[in-house]
N, C-alpha and C. Protein backbone atom coordinates (compact mmCIF):
# COMPACT_ATOMS: atom_id res chain seq x y z
N UNK A 1 0.32 -1.04 0.11
CA UNK A 1 -0.24 -0.08 -0.27
C UNK A 1 0.79 1.31 0.34
N UNK A 2 0.10 2.24 -1.13
CA UNK A 2 1.04 3.41 -0.86
C UNK A 2 1.08 4.15 1.02
N UNK A 3 2.12 4.99 1.31
CA UNK A 3 2.27 5.54 2.69
C UNK A 3 0.85 6.90 2.11
N UNK A 4 0.89 7.42 0.95
CA UNK A 4 0.54 8.41 0.78
C UNK A 4 -2.02 8.50 0.84
N UNK A 5 -1.75 7.16 0.21
CA UNK A 5 -3.17 6.81 0.47
C UNK A 5 -3.60 7.14 1.58
N UNK A 6 -3.08 6.90 3.01
CA UNK A 6 -4.07 7.33 4.08
C UNK A 6 -3.81 8.90 4.54
N UNK A 7 -2.97 9.84 3.51
CA UNK A 7 -4.29 10.49 2.96
C UNK A 7 -5.21 11.45 1.96
N UNK A 8 -5.40 9.56 1.60
CA UNK A 8 -7.18 9.80 0.57
C UNK A 8 -7.76 10.80 1.26
N UNK A 9 -8.19 10.47 2.20
CA UNK A 9 -9.13 10.82 3.05
C UNK A 9 -9.22 13.11 2.92
N UNK A 10 -8.37 13.58 2.99
CA UNK A 10 -8.61 14.40 3.12
C UNK A 10 -10.03 15.22 2.23
N UNK A 11 -10.67 14.85 0.48
CA UNK A 11 -11.56 15.06 -0.21
C UNK A 11 -12.76 14.48 0.28
N UNK A 12 -12.86 13.14 1.30
CA UNK A 12 -13.67 12.61 1.44
C UNK A 12 -14.32 12.87 2.39
N UNK A 13 -16.45 12.72 2.13
CA UNK A 13 -17.77 12.54 3.36
C UNK A 13 -17.81 10.90 3.10
N UNK A 14 -17.84 10.78 3.83
CA UNK A 14 -18.77 9.53 4.28
C UNK A 14 -20.38 9.66 4.50
N UNK A 15 -21.55 9.77 4.40
CA UNK A 15 -22.32 9.38 5.46
C UNK A 15 -23.47 8.13 5.27
N UNK A 16 -23.60 7.90 6.32
CA UNK A 16 -24.02 6.41 6.87
C UNK A 16 -25.33 6.77 7.16
N UNK A 17 -26.36 5.88 8.13
CA UNK A 17 -27.53 6.59 8.61
C UNK A 17 -27.32 6.71 10.16
N UNK A 18 -26.29 6.55 11.50
CA UNK A 18 -26.47 7.25 12.27
C UNK A 18 -25.47 8.97 11.97
N UNK A 19 -24.23 8.75 11.29
CA UNK A 19 -22.89 9.35 11.60
C UNK A 19 -22.63 9.62 10.11
N UNK A 20 -21.98 10.79 10.44
CA UNK A 20 -20.88 11.04 8.88
C UNK A 20 -20.05 11.62 9.76
N UNK A 21 -19.00 11.21 8.78
CA UNK A 21 -17.11 10.97 8.34
C UNK A 21 -17.19 12.05 7.35
N UNK A 22 -15.82 13.13 8.52
CA UNK A 22 -15.66 14.22 7.65
C UNK A 22 -14.24 14.40 7.95
N UNK A 23 -12.91 14.89 7.10
CA UNK A 23 -12.15 14.81 7.44
C UNK A 23 -11.41 15.90 8.73
N UNK A 24 -10.91 15.82 9.15
CA UNK A 24 -10.62 16.94 10.45
C UNK A 24 -9.22 17.40 9.93
N UNK A 25 -10.19 19.05 10.10
CA UNK A 25 -9.99 20.25 9.80
C UNK A 25 -9.39 21.09 11.32
N UNK A 26 -9.01 22.39 10.40
CA UNK A 26 -8.90 23.40 11.53
C UNK A 26 -10.56 24.22 12.30
N UNK A 27 -11.45 23.70 11.57
CA UNK A 27 -13.13 24.02 11.67
C UNK A 27 -13.03 23.22 13.08
N UNK A 28 -12.45 22.52 13.04
CA UNK A 28 -12.76 21.47 14.33
C UNK A 28 -12.62 21.44 15.56
N UNK A 29 -11.38 22.37 15.17
CA UNK A 29 -9.97 22.16 16.72
C UNK A 29 -10.55 22.33 18.15
N UNK A 30 -11.12 23.95 17.59
CA UNK A 30 -11.61 24.56 19.01
C UNK A 30 -12.89 24.03 20.07
N UNK A 31 -13.62 22.40 19.35
CA UNK A 31 -14.46 21.77 20.39
C UNK A 31 -13.52 20.73 20.30
N UNK A 32 -12.82 19.58 20.27
CA UNK A 32 -12.01 18.80 20.25
C UNK A 32 -11.43 19.08 20.92
N UNK A 33 -10.02 20.71 20.75
CA UNK A 33 -10.05 20.96 22.08
C UNK A 33 -10.42 20.98 24.27
N UNK A 34 -11.39 21.36 23.42
CA UNK A 34 -12.93 21.52 24.67
C UNK A 34 -12.74 19.98 24.89
N UNK A 35 -12.99 19.17 24.28
CA UNK A 35 -13.44 17.95 24.61
C UNK A 35 -11.83 17.35 25.51
N UNK A 36 -11.03 18.03 24.91
CA UNK A 36 -9.97 17.08 25.65
C UNK A 36 -8.99 17.58 27.04
N UNK A 37 -10.24 18.67 27.57
CA UNK A 37 -9.59 19.19 29.13
C UNK A 37 -10.28 18.33 29.38
N UNK A 38 -11.50 17.17 29.09
CA UNK A 38 -12.20 15.92 29.73
C UNK A 38 -11.00 15.67 30.30
N UNK A 39 -10.75 15.50 31.67
CA UNK A 39 -9.98 13.82 32.86
C UNK A 39 -10.12 12.50 31.82
N UNK A 40 -11.64 12.68 32.43
CA UNK A 40 -12.53 11.46 31.81
C UNK A 40 -11.30 11.04 29.66
N UNK A 41 -11.35 11.34 29.09
CA UNK A 41 -11.39 11.71 28.57
C UNK A 41 -9.31 11.31 27.63
N UNK A 42 -9.22 11.79 29.05
CA UNK A 42 -7.67 12.44 29.09
C UNK A 42 -7.21 10.64 28.82
N UNK A 43 -7.86 9.73 30.13
CA UNK A 43 -7.29 8.70 30.92
C UNK A 43 -8.22 8.29 29.29
N UNK A 44 -9.41 8.24 29.19
CA UNK A 44 -9.76 6.96 27.97
C UNK A 44 -8.56 6.80 26.65
N UNK A 45 -8.13 7.98 26.39
CA UNK A 45 -7.54 7.75 25.08
C UNK A 45 -5.41 7.99 25.61
N UNK A 46 -5.45 8.05 26.99
CA UNK A 46 -4.16 8.05 26.88
C UNK A 46 -3.65 9.08 26.63
N UNK A 47 -4.14 10.38 26.84
CA UNK A 47 -3.70 11.58 26.59
C UNK A 47 -3.34 12.74 27.16
N UNK A 48 -2.43 13.51 27.17
CA UNK A 48 -1.95 14.81 27.56
C UNK A 48 -2.97 15.42 27.36
N UNK A 49 -3.24 16.67 27.93
CA UNK A 49 -3.62 18.21 27.75
C UNK A 49 -2.80 19.42 27.13
N UNK A 50 -3.35 19.57 25.89
CA UNK A 50 -3.14 19.86 25.22
C UNK A 50 -2.89 22.04 25.06
N UNK A 51 -2.41 23.35 24.43
CA UNK A 51 -2.84 24.09 24.12
C UNK A 51 -4.32 24.23 23.47
N UNK A 52 -5.04 24.91 23.00
CA UNK A 52 -4.76 25.31 22.03
C UNK A 52 -4.49 25.71 20.37
N UNK A 53 -2.35 26.04 20.79
CA UNK A 53 -2.04 26.73 20.13
C UNK A 53 -1.60 24.87 19.02
N UNK A 54 -1.11 24.14 20.69
CA UNK A 54 -0.96 22.66 20.35
C UNK A 54 -1.78 21.40 19.77
N UNK A 55 -3.03 22.39 19.67
CA UNK A 55 -4.44 21.56 18.96
C UNK A 55 -4.22 21.78 18.25
N UNK A 56 -4.15 22.95 17.25
CA UNK A 56 -3.96 23.79 15.82
C UNK A 56 -2.23 22.59 15.23
N UNK A 57 -1.72 22.79 16.08
CA UNK A 57 -0.33 21.49 15.30
C UNK A 57 -1.17 20.61 15.30
N UNK A 58 -0.71 19.79 15.84
CA UNK A 58 -1.30 18.26 16.05
C UNK A 58 -2.04 17.90 14.46
N UNK A 59 -3.26 18.88 14.84
CA UNK A 59 -4.77 18.55 14.10
C UNK A 59 -3.84 18.84 12.35
N UNK A 60 -2.79 19.71 11.68
CA UNK A 60 -1.83 20.37 10.62
C UNK A 60 -0.84 18.59 10.50
N UNK A 61 -0.98 18.09 11.70
CA UNK A 61 0.63 17.22 11.87
C UNK A 61 0.00 16.10 11.64
N UNK A 62 -1.91 15.50 12.00
CA UNK A 62 -2.50 14.26 11.41
C UNK A 62 -3.22 14.65 10.58
N UNK A 63 -2.99 16.31 9.18
CA UNK A 63 -3.63 16.13 7.88
C UNK A 63 -1.99 16.04 7.15
N UNK A 64 -0.84 15.56 7.53
CA UNK A 64 0.00 15.84 7.05
C UNK A 64 0.48 13.92 6.69
N UNK A 65 0.17 13.79 8.71
CA UNK A 65 0.49 12.46 8.49
C UNK A 65 -0.15 11.12 7.54
N UNK A 66 1.45 10.57 6.54
CA UNK A 66 1.74 9.70 5.33
C UNK A 66 0.85 7.69 6.84
N UNK A 67 0.47 7.90 7.44
CA UNK A 67 0.49 6.89 8.42
C UNK A 67 -0.82 6.66 9.12
N UNK A 68 -1.24 8.17 9.49
CA UNK A 68 -2.93 8.38 9.62
C UNK A 68 -3.67 8.29 8.80
N UNK A 69 -5.19 8.20 9.32
CA UNK A 69 -6.21 8.50 8.60
C UNK A 69 -7.55 8.88 9.42
N UNK A 70 -7.93 10.37 10.30
CA UNK A 70 -8.37 10.93 11.02
C UNK A 70 -9.79 11.37 10.65
N UNK A 71 -10.75 10.34 11.29
CA UNK A 71 -12.35 11.36 10.53
C UNK A 71 -12.95 11.26 11.72
N UNK A 72 -13.23 12.28 11.98
CA UNK A 72 -14.01 13.38 12.18
C UNK A 72 -15.40 13.19 12.66
N UNK A 73 -15.77 12.98 12.81
CA UNK A 73 -17.16 12.07 13.60
C UNK A 73 -18.79 13.47 13.86
N UNK A 74 -19.51 13.19 12.94
CA UNK A 74 -20.57 14.32 12.98
C UNK A 74 -22.01 13.19 13.88
N UNK A 75 -22.83 14.12 13.98
CA UNK A 75 -23.96 13.37 14.34
C UNK A 75 -26.03 13.34 12.72
N UNK A 76 -25.08 12.50 12.49
CA UNK A 76 -26.05 12.81 11.32
C UNK A 76 -27.08 13.05 11.74
N UNK A 77 -28.03 12.27 12.18
CA UNK A 77 -29.78 13.74 12.46
C UNK A 77 -29.63 14.86 12.97
N UNK A 78 -28.43 15.45 13.11
CA UNK A 78 -28.04 16.63 13.92
C UNK A 78 -27.87 17.65 12.18
N UNK A 79 -27.11 17.13 11.58
CA UNK A 79 -26.43 17.45 10.35
C UNK A 79 -27.63 17.25 9.59
N UNK A 80 -28.32 17.15 9.94
CA UNK A 80 -28.55 16.74 8.15
C UNK A 80 -30.59 17.65 8.68
N UNK A 81 -30.17 17.60 9.93
CA UNK A 81 -32.22 18.21 9.96
C UNK A 81 -32.31 20.35 10.13
N UNK A 82 -30.75 20.92 10.13
CA UNK A 82 -30.57 21.88 9.94
C UNK A 82 -29.44 22.31 9.23
N UNK A 83 -30.13 22.61 7.76
CA UNK A 83 -29.73 23.05 6.81
C UNK A 83 -28.23 24.36 7.06
N UNK A 84 -26.85 24.72 7.42
CA UNK A 84 -26.52 25.17 7.55
C UNK A 84 -25.84 25.49 8.64
N UNK A 85 -26.51 24.22 9.59
CA UNK A 85 -25.44 24.24 10.94
C UNK A 85 -24.10 23.83 10.36
N UNK A 86 -23.46 24.68 11.18
CA UNK A 86 -21.78 23.87 11.50
C UNK A 86 -21.19 22.91 11.58
N UNK A 87 -20.07 22.23 11.34
CA UNK A 87 -20.24 20.50 11.09
C UNK A 87 -19.70 20.97 13.22
N UNK A 88 -18.83 21.82 13.22
CA UNK A 88 -18.12 22.49 14.63
C UNK A 88 -19.23 21.52 15.22
N UNK A 89 -20.97 22.30 15.16
CA UNK A 89 -22.08 21.85 15.84
C UNK A 89 -22.68 20.62 16.54
N UNK A 90 -22.02 20.01 14.88
CA UNK A 90 -22.59 17.92 14.95
C UNK A 90 -22.00 17.37 15.46
N UNK A 91 -20.25 17.37 15.99
CA UNK A 91 -19.33 17.47 16.06
C UNK A 91 -19.74 16.27 17.37
N UNK A 92 -19.61 14.89 17.08
CA UNK A 92 -19.44 13.93 18.86
C UNK A 92 -18.50 13.12 19.11
N UNK A 93 -17.56 13.21 18.23
CA UNK A 93 -16.75 12.35 18.41
C UNK A 93 -14.85 12.14 17.67
N UNK A 94 -14.40 11.37 17.02
CA UNK A 94 -12.88 11.00 16.15
C UNK A 94 -12.89 9.24 15.91
N UNK A 95 -12.76 8.69 14.86
CA UNK A 95 -12.12 7.38 14.85
C UNK A 95 -10.97 7.90 13.80
N UNK A 96 -10.13 6.87 13.62
CA UNK A 96 -8.36 7.00 13.54
C UNK A 96 -8.08 5.55 13.23
N UNK A 97 -7.41 5.30 11.69
CA UNK A 97 -6.41 4.29 11.53
C UNK A 97 -5.36 4.55 11.43
N UNK A 98 -4.18 4.13 11.97
CA UNK A 98 -2.87 4.35 12.11
C UNK A 98 -1.90 2.32 11.28
N UNK A 99 -0.97 3.17 10.79
CA UNK A 99 -0.03 2.25 10.60
C UNK A 99 0.79 1.83 11.26
N UNK A 100 0.54 0.94 11.71
CA UNK A 100 1.74 0.70 13.44
C UNK A 100 2.74 -0.36 12.85
N UNK A 101 2.85 -0.66 12.32
CA UNK A 101 3.53 -1.87 11.84
C UNK A 101 4.20 -1.95 10.65
N UNK A 102 5.43 -1.90 10.45
CA UNK A 102 6.29 -0.77 9.06
C UNK A 102 6.66 -2.31 8.00
N UNK A 103 7.06 -3.67 8.39
CA UNK A 103 7.06 -4.54 8.65
C UNK A 103 5.93 -5.31 7.30
N UNK A 104 4.24 -4.86 8.08
CA UNK A 104 2.85 -5.63 7.68
C UNK A 104 2.17 -4.32 7.17
N UNK A 105 1.97 -3.66 6.01
CA UNK A 105 1.44 -2.03 5.40
C UNK A 105 -0.47 -2.87 5.13
N UNK A 106 -0.56 -3.64 5.72
CA UNK A 106 -2.05 -4.89 5.79
C UNK A 106 -2.15 -4.16 6.49
N UNK A 107 -2.34 -3.89 8.34
CA UNK A 107 -1.94 -4.29 9.25
C UNK A 107 -2.55 -2.27 9.86
N UNK A 108 -3.55 -1.88 10.24
CA UNK A 108 -4.47 -0.72 11.17
C UNK A 108 -4.37 -1.12 11.94
N UNK A 109 -4.10 -0.17 13.00
CA UNK A 109 -4.73 -0.02 14.30
C UNK A 109 -5.96 0.61 14.19
N UNK A 110 -6.44 0.69 14.73
CA UNK A 110 -8.21 2.15 14.99
C UNK A 110 -8.74 2.00 16.31
N UNK A 111 -8.98 3.51 16.32
CA UNK A 111 -9.71 3.50 17.48
C UNK A 111 -10.46 4.47 17.53
N UNK A 112 -11.45 4.38 18.14
CA UNK A 112 -12.24 5.40 17.86
C UNK A 112 -13.36 5.88 19.57
N UNK A 113 -13.70 7.82 19.08
CA UNK A 113 -14.06 8.52 20.76
C UNK A 113 -15.48 8.63 20.45
N UNK A 114 -15.85 9.12 21.15
CA UNK A 114 -17.60 9.40 21.30
C UNK A 114 -17.24 9.98 21.80
N UNK A 115 -16.85 11.37 22.32
CA UNK A 115 -16.44 12.55 22.99
C UNK A 115 -18.00 13.39 24.19
N UNK A 116 -18.94 12.86 22.93
CA UNK A 116 -20.34 13.71 23.76
C UNK A 116 -20.76 12.72 24.95
N UNK A 117 -20.64 12.98 25.90
CA UNK A 117 -21.51 12.30 26.75
C UNK A 117 -23.10 11.32 26.51
N UNK A 118 -23.55 12.32 26.22
CA UNK A 118 -24.95 12.32 25.81
C UNK A 118 -24.69 11.19 23.80
N UNK A 119 -24.21 11.06 23.59
CA UNK A 119 -24.09 9.81 22.62
C UNK A 119 -23.61 9.06 22.54
N UNK A 120 -23.27 8.94 23.64
CA UNK A 120 -22.63 7.35 23.87
C UNK A 120 -24.33 6.12 24.56
N UNK A 121 -23.81 5.30 23.59
CA UNK A 121 -24.62 4.28 23.59
C UNK A 121 -25.82 4.19 22.77
N UNK A 122 -25.80 4.59 21.95
CA UNK A 122 -27.21 5.44 20.89
C UNK A 122 -26.61 4.24 19.67
N UNK A 123 -25.76 3.63 19.26
CA UNK A 123 -24.75 3.34 18.37
C UNK A 123 -23.94 3.60 17.23
N UNK A 124 -23.36 5.72 18.14
CA UNK A 124 -23.16 6.13 16.63
C UNK A 124 -21.78 5.06 16.42
N UNK A 125 -20.53 4.95 17.51
CA UNK A 125 -19.25 4.60 17.58
C UNK A 125 -19.40 3.20 16.36
N UNK A 126 -20.24 2.21 17.10
CA UNK A 126 -20.46 1.42 16.32
C UNK A 126 -20.42 1.69 14.67
N UNK A 127 -21.52 2.60 14.49
CA UNK A 127 -21.22 2.94 13.25
C UNK A 127 -20.30 3.99 12.12
N UNK A 128 -19.30 4.28 13.28
CA UNK A 128 -18.10 4.90 13.04
C UNK A 128 -17.01 4.18 12.31
N UNK A 129 -17.05 2.90 13.84
CA UNK A 129 -15.88 2.00 13.52
C UNK A 129 -16.33 0.86 11.71
N UNK A 130 -17.54 0.67 11.62
CA UNK A 130 -18.18 -0.39 10.12
C UNK A 130 -17.10 0.36 9.64
N UNK A 131 -17.81 1.93 9.60
CA UNK A 131 -17.41 2.46 7.69
C UNK A 131 -16.10 2.88 7.86
N UNK A 132 -15.19 3.49 8.83
CA UNK A 132 -13.87 3.33 8.75
C UNK A 132 -13.38 1.51 8.66
N UNK A 133 -13.74 0.95 9.37
CA UNK A 133 -12.99 -0.70 8.28
C UNK A 133 -13.44 -1.23 7.34
N UNK A 134 -14.30 -0.12 6.20
CA UNK A 134 -14.78 -0.51 5.29
C UNK A 134 -14.35 0.22 4.07
N UNK A 135 -13.73 1.57 5.41
CA UNK A 135 -12.94 2.74 4.10
C UNK A 135 -11.17 1.67 4.20
N UNK A 136 -10.77 1.52 5.27
CA UNK A 136 -9.82 0.93 5.61
C UNK A 136 -9.28 -0.17 4.78
N UNK A 137 -10.47 -1.13 4.06
CA UNK A 137 -10.45 -2.61 3.25
C UNK A 137 -10.66 -2.13 1.72
N UNK A 138 -11.04 -0.90 1.25
CA UNK A 138 -11.98 -0.60 -0.08
C UNK A 138 -10.76 0.20 -0.57
N UNK A 139 -10.54 0.86 0.42
CA UNK A 139 -9.41 2.19 0.01
C UNK A 139 -8.13 1.89 0.65
N UNK A 140 -8.02 1.31 1.04
CA UNK A 140 -6.63 1.77 2.90
C UNK A 140 -5.68 0.24 2.08
N UNK A 141 -6.67 -0.41 1.54
CA UNK A 141 -6.06 -2.45 1.25
C UNK A 141 -5.05 -3.26 2.45
N UNK A 142 -5.69 -2.85 3.63
CA UNK A 142 -5.77 -3.33 5.10
C UNK A 142 -6.60 -4.77 4.97
N UNK A 143 -6.00 -5.44 5.48
CA UNK A 143 -6.47 -6.47 5.80
C UNK A 143 -7.03 -7.26 7.36
N UNK A 144 -6.19 -6.19 7.97
CA UNK A 144 -6.13 -7.24 9.45
C UNK A 144 -6.39 -5.59 9.90
N UNK A 145 -7.02 -6.00 11.85
CA UNK A 145 -7.16 -4.22 12.15
C UNK A 145 -6.91 -4.53 13.52
N UNK A 146 -6.07 -4.33 14.41
CA UNK A 146 -5.69 -4.21 16.05
C UNK A 146 -6.78 -3.18 16.98
N UNK A 147 -7.36 -3.49 17.79
CA UNK A 147 -7.65 -2.27 18.75
C UNK A 147 -7.45 -2.64 20.37
N UNK A 148 -6.65 -0.92 20.62
CA UNK A 148 -5.50 -1.96 21.89
C UNK A 148 -6.66 -1.09 22.93
N UNK A 149 -7.26 -1.26 24.01
CA UNK A 149 -8.88 -0.12 24.86
C UNK A 149 -7.76 -0.72 25.62
N UNK A 150 -8.17 0.41 26.92
CA UNK A 150 -8.37 0.38 28.39
C UNK A 150 -8.64 -0.37 29.36
N UNK A 151 -8.86 -1.49 30.06
CA UNK A 151 -8.32 -2.85 30.22
C UNK A 151 -9.85 -2.42 31.35
N UNK A 152 -10.03 -1.64 31.79
CA UNK A 152 -11.47 -0.52 32.46
C UNK A 152 -11.88 -0.39 31.82
N UNK A 153 -12.42 0.20 30.10
CA UNK A 153 -13.17 0.78 29.74
C UNK A 153 -13.92 -0.73 28.05
N UNK A 154 -14.81 -1.05 29.77
CA UNK A 154 -15.38 -2.25 29.25
C UNK A 154 -16.12 -1.80 28.16
N UNK A 155 -17.45 -0.67 28.00
CA UNK A 155 -18.17 -0.09 27.01
C UNK A 155 -17.70 -0.86 25.65
N UNK A 156 -15.60 -0.30 24.90
CA UNK A 156 -16.13 -0.22 23.72
C UNK A 156 -15.11 -1.89 24.15
N UNK A 157 -14.44 -2.49 24.12
CA UNK A 157 -14.59 -4.19 24.18
C UNK A 157 -15.54 -4.32 23.84
N UNK A 158 -16.39 -4.18 24.56
CA UNK A 158 -17.68 -4.90 24.27
C UNK A 158 -18.19 -4.96 22.98
N UNK A 159 -18.20 -3.79 22.72
CA UNK A 159 -18.21 -3.13 21.09
C UNK A 159 -17.24 -3.43 20.65
N UNK A 160 -16.25 -3.56 20.09
CA UNK A 160 -15.41 -4.70 19.51
C UNK A 160 -15.95 -5.59 19.40
N UNK A 161 -16.06 -6.47 20.31
CA UNK A 161 -16.37 -8.07 19.95
C UNK A 161 -17.28 -8.54 19.33
N UNK A 162 -18.87 -7.01 19.39
CA UNK A 162 -20.16 -7.78 18.77
C UNK A 162 -19.44 -7.36 17.14
N UNK A 163 -18.32 -6.75 17.08
CA UNK A 163 -17.95 -6.07 15.93
C UNK A 163 -17.15 -7.39 14.91
N UNK A 164 -16.86 -8.45 15.93
CA UNK A 164 -15.68 -9.91 15.36
C UNK A 164 -14.24 -9.37 15.89
N UNK A 165 -13.67 -8.32 16.95
CA UNK A 165 -12.94 -8.81 16.78
C UNK A 165 -12.78 -9.82 18.36
N UNK A 166 -11.68 -9.99 17.95
CA UNK A 166 -11.01 -11.04 19.18
C UNK A 166 -10.12 -10.76 19.98
N UNK A 167 -9.71 -11.44 20.89
CA UNK A 167 -8.83 -11.03 22.37
C UNK A 167 -7.59 -11.57 22.31
N UNK A 168 -6.65 -11.22 21.88
CA UNK A 168 -5.58 -11.53 21.44
C UNK A 168 -4.13 -11.20 22.01
N UNK A 169 -4.66 -10.52 22.91
CA UNK A 169 -3.10 -9.91 24.38
C UNK A 169 -3.60 -8.76 24.98
N UNK A 170 -3.19 -9.23 26.30
CA UNK A 170 -3.23 -7.52 27.55
C UNK A 170 -2.22 -7.50 28.37
N UNK A 171 -2.25 -6.48 28.55
CA UNK A 171 -1.19 -6.44 29.16
C UNK A 171 -1.43 -5.39 30.07
N UNK A 172 -0.56 -6.07 31.27
CA UNK A 172 -0.88 -5.57 32.55
C UNK A 172 0.03 -4.42 32.64
N UNK A 173 1.40 -3.58 31.63
CA UNK A 173 2.14 -3.17 31.57
C UNK A 173 1.20 -1.88 31.39
N UNK A 174 0.73 -1.29 30.18
CA UNK A 174 0.10 -0.44 30.07
C UNK A 174 -1.26 -0.78 30.33
N UNK A 175 -1.58 -1.92 30.97
CA UNK A 175 -3.19 -1.56 31.42
C UNK A 175 -4.37 -1.97 29.81
N UNK A 176 -3.81 -2.69 29.34
CA UNK A 176 -4.48 -2.50 27.14
C UNK A 176 -4.87 -3.70 27.09
N UNK A 177 -5.89 -4.05 26.75
CA UNK A 177 -5.43 -4.99 25.98
C UNK A 177 -6.01 -5.08 24.14
N UNK A 178 -5.77 -6.13 23.63
CA UNK A 178 -5.68 -5.47 22.23
C UNK A 178 -6.45 -6.57 21.60
N UNK A 179 -6.94 -5.98 20.76
CA UNK A 179 -8.01 -7.19 20.28
C UNK A 179 -7.75 -7.37 18.42
N UNK A 180 -8.07 -8.22 17.18
CA UNK A 180 -7.61 -7.74 16.12
C UNK A 180 -8.85 -8.63 15.26
N UNK A 181 -9.10 -8.48 14.23
CA UNK A 181 -10.08 -8.54 12.84
C UNK A 181 -9.06 -8.65 12.02
N UNK A 182 -9.09 -10.76 11.54
CA UNK A 182 -8.04 -10.71 10.08
C UNK A 182 -9.64 -10.41 8.87
N UNK A 183 -9.02 -9.82 8.37
CA UNK A 183 -10.46 -9.97 6.71
C UNK A 183 -10.69 -11.28 6.19
N UNK A 184 -10.97 -12.09 6.69
CA UNK A 184 -11.11 -13.45 5.95
C UNK A 184 -12.41 -12.97 4.58
N UNK A 185 -13.10 -14.15 4.29
CA UNK A 185 -13.51 -12.84 2.94
C UNK A 185 -15.48 -13.28 3.10
N UNK A 186 -15.51 -14.28 4.50
CA UNK A 186 -16.88 -14.40 5.27
C UNK A 186 -16.88 -12.63 5.88
N UNK A 187 -15.83 -12.17 6.36
CA UNK A 187 -15.46 -10.96 7.07
C UNK A 187 -15.55 -10.03 6.36
N UNK A 188 -15.15 -9.93 5.06
CA UNK A 188 -14.88 -8.87 4.26
C UNK A 188 -16.85 -8.98 3.50
N UNK A 189 -16.66 -10.06 3.89
CA UNK A 189 -18.47 -10.09 2.86
C UNK A 189 -19.51 -9.79 4.15
N UNK A 190 -19.81 -9.31 5.30
CA UNK A 190 -20.34 -9.43 6.40
C UNK A 190 -20.19 -8.13 5.97
N UNK A 191 -18.73 -7.30 6.41
CA UNK A 191 -18.71 -6.01 6.60
C UNK A 191 -18.93 -4.91 5.11
N UNK A 192 -19.03 -5.69 3.42
CA UNK A 192 -20.29 -4.69 2.64
C UNK A 192 -21.30 -5.03 3.00
N UNK A 193 -22.04 -6.16 3.44
CA UNK A 193 -23.22 -6.30 3.72
C UNK A 193 -23.52 -4.60 4.83
N UNK A 194 -22.52 -5.05 5.90
CA UNK A 194 -22.84 -4.19 7.02
C UNK A 194 -22.67 -2.83 6.66
N UNK A 195 -21.85 -2.44 5.59
CA UNK A 195 -21.63 -1.10 5.05
C UNK A 195 -23.05 -0.54 3.46
N UNK A 196 -23.80 -0.97 3.02
CA UNK A 196 -23.80 -1.31 2.16
C UNK A 196 -24.64 0.37 2.14
N UNK A 197 -25.24 0.38 3.04
CA UNK A 197 -25.98 2.18 2.58
C UNK A 197 -24.90 3.05 2.54
N UNK A 198 -23.54 2.69 2.57
CA UNK A 198 -22.77 4.10 3.41
C UNK A 198 -22.98 4.22 2.36
N UNK A 199 -22.70 6.39 1.66
CA UNK A 199 -22.42 7.01 0.88
C UNK A 199 -21.53 8.20 0.72
N UNK A 200 -20.20 7.92 0.00
CA UNK A 200 -18.91 8.59 -0.05
C UNK A 200 -19.14 9.74 -1.30
N UNK A 201 -18.89 10.87 -0.47
CA UNK A 201 -19.20 11.88 -1.06
C UNK A 201 -17.47 12.77 -0.87
N UNK A 202 -17.93 13.98 -1.70
CA UNK A 202 -16.34 14.57 -1.97
C UNK A 202 -16.92 15.86 -1.28
N UNK A 203 -15.94 15.64 -0.16
CA UNK A 203 -15.72 16.84 0.82
C UNK A 203 -14.59 17.95 0.39
N UNK A 204 -15.48 19.35 0.71
CA UNK A 204 -14.20 21.03 0.49
C UNK A 204 -14.47 21.54 1.94
N UNK A 205 -13.37 21.27 2.80
CA UNK A 205 -13.17 21.80 3.64
C UNK A 205 -14.70 22.57 4.42
N UNK A 206 -15.35 22.16 5.05
CA UNK A 206 -17.08 22.40 5.78
C UNK A 206 -17.95 23.13 4.50
N UNK A 207 -17.55 22.55 3.52
CA UNK A 207 -18.62 23.40 2.60
C UNK A 207 -19.89 22.13 2.16
N UNK A 208 -19.43 20.74 2.63
CA UNK A 208 -20.51 19.62 2.61
C UNK A 208 -21.92 20.76 2.25
N UNK A 209 -22.51 19.83 1.84
CA UNK A 209 -23.73 19.92 2.96
C UNK A 209 -25.15 19.14 3.21
N UNK A 210 -25.62 19.14 3.99
CA UNK A 210 -26.24 18.01 4.06
C UNK A 210 -27.32 17.65 2.65
N UNK A 211 -28.00 16.06 3.22
CA UNK A 211 -28.64 16.15 1.96
C UNK A 211 -29.72 15.30 2.27
């Protein structure tokens, strides 16, 4: 896989039933920065608090990083119900793919964060992960996925297990569980069925209009 492929999504919008995935742009940084002030989210994502300036620098580096693919997760219902609504006002989280194994470009590490507490437990994270898995398979030539989740994050572990991920390792040092999904022919067919409703549309920095 060409490393540059990870940047393909900078012009891509993915429209699902519950969520819309859009590239992470500077427009999204202020809301993202507010989220990451949460000690709970810092703990769940193993992140350190950053200044707003550092967050803008991080967004730029993610945008240019050939080994990372990031989408911001929007609430589709809110986005479609309010013509002219800003993406920032519809943001609920993010979903990421990383190329973590230089010797195996077909392996991607996936992570998802639904930052808005009121939006958790409604299937938004599940659909965002399914859409990202499908994007990884069809656009990035990935065939294996790993998710590394804190041992105490039971909801996230259960969600990935429902999506056919199996536990392959536990790290007592990092207090995290590693789950893996390998795309067999049957898994590939299942994934395409689960995401057959998803539409891929062109995206232009916040100018994509709800349909």
